Amino acid sequence: MQLWNWRGPGLINAHERNATVYARGVREEIGAIETGRLDPFFLLTHIY
């Protein structure tokens, strides 16, 4: 952690805090999966 702090990398948080915007994004993602525009299975890398 000290080296990480010393180098000072910039981090960008990518999650939405506004519940309305978040819900709209989820609906759009589900629609993209249902219509075949998005194949989510390449994101699945592990089974627990």
C-alpha atoms as a PDB file:
ATOM      1  CA  MET A   1       0.000   0.000   0.000  1.00  0.00           C
ATOM      2  CA  GLN A   2       2.861   2.365   0.734  1.00  0.00           C
ATOM      3  CA  LEU A   3       4.307   1.977  -2.766  1.00  0.00           C
ATOM      4  CA  TRP A   4       0.850   2.427  -4.264  1.00  0.00           C
ATOM      5  CA  ASN A   5       0.396   5.591  -2.217  1.00  0.00           C
ATOM      6  CA  TRP A   6       3.879   6.821  -3.162  1.00  0.00           C
ATOM      7  CA  ARG A   7       3.291   6.390  -6.882  1.00  0.00           C
ATOM      8  CA  GLY A   8      -0.128   8.013  -6.581  1.00  0.00           C
ATOM      9  CA  PRO A   9      -2.069   6.257  -9.350  1.00  0.00           C
ATOM     10  CA  GLY A  10      -5.293   7.903 -10.421  1.00  0.00           C
ATOM     11  CA  LEU A  11      -8.358   5.777  -9.807  1.00  0.00           C
ATOM     12  CA  ILE A  12     -11.725   6.276 -11.426  1.00  0.00           C
ATOM     13  CA  ASN A  13     -14.782   4.876  -9.722  1.00  0.00           C
ATOM     14  CA  ALA A  14     -17.185   3.514 -12.297  1.00  0.00           C
ATOM     15  CA  HIS A  15     -20.317   2.754 -10.312  1.00  0.00           C
ATOM     16  CA  GLU A  16     -23.350   4.997 -10.357  1.00  0.00           C
ATOM     17  CA  ARG A  17     -24.694   6.407  -7.086  1.00  0.00           C
ATOM     18  CA  ASN A  18     -27.976   7.774  -8.451  1.00  0.00           C
ATOM     19  CA  ALA A  19     -30.539   4.965  -8.079  1.00  0.00           C
ATOM     20  CA  THR A  20     -32.660   6.197 -11.002  1.00  0.00           C
ATOM     21  CA  VAL A  21     -29.700   6.260 -13.379  1.00  0.00           C
ATOM     22  CA  TYR A  22     -28.507   2.882 -12.069  1.00  0.00           C
ATOM     23  CA  ALA A  23     -31.942   1.288 -12.600  1.00  0.00           C
ATOM     24  CA  ARG A  24     -32.171   2.692 -16.134  1.00  0.00           C
ATOM     25  CA  GLY A  25     -28.759   1.199 -16.920  1.00  0.00           C
ATOM     26  CA  VAL A  26     -29.802  -2.203 -15.604  1.00  0.00           C
ATOM     27  CA  ARG A  27     -32.969  -2.116 -17.739  1.00  0.00           C
ATOM     28  CA  GLU A  28     -30.915  -1.193 -20.821  1.00  0.00           C
ATOM     29  CA  GLU A  29     -28.431  -3.982 -20.136  1.00  0.00           C
ATOM     30  CA  ILE A  30     -31.186  -6.567 -19.728  1.00  0.00           C
ATOM     31  CA  GLY A  31     -32.791  -5.361 -22.958  1.00  0.00           C
ATOM     32  CA  ALA A  32     -29.464  -5.659 -24.777  1.00  0.00           C
ATOM     33  CA  ILE A  33     -29.073  -9.229 -23.532  1.00  0.00           C
ATOM     34  CA  GLU A  34     -32.643 -10.147 -24.471  1.00  0.00           C
ATOM     35  CA  THR A  35     -32.279  -8.782 -28.020  1.00  0.00           C
ATOM     36  CA  GLY A  36     -28.868 -10.375 -28.542  1.00  0.00           C
ATOM     37  CA  ARG A  37     -26.948  -7.093 -28.756  1.00  0.00           C
ATOM     38  CA  LEU A  38     -24.913  -8.091 -25.706  1.00  0.00           C
ATOM     39  CA  ASP A  39     -23.521 -11.527 -24.906  1.00  0.00           C
ATOM     40  CA  PRO A  40     -22.653 -11.415 -21.196  1.00  0.00           C
ATOM     41  CA  PHE A  41     -21.083 -14.867 -21.021  1.00  0.00           C
ATOM     42  CA  PHE A  42     -17.563 -13.707 -21.872  1.00  0.00           C
ATOM     43  CA  LEU A  43     -17.685 -11.783 -18.583  1.00  0.00           C
ATOM     44  CA  LEU A  44     -18.214 -14.987 -16.589  1.00  0.00           C
ATOM     45  CA  THR A  45     -14.775 -16.260 -15.708  1.00  0.00           C
ATOM     46  CA  HIS A  46     -15.329 -18.338 -12.566  1.00  0.00           C
ATOM     47  CA  ILE A  47     -17.901 -20.620 -11.009  1.00  0.00           C
ATOM     48  CA  TYR A  48     -18.067 -20.696  -7.233  1.00  0.00           C
END
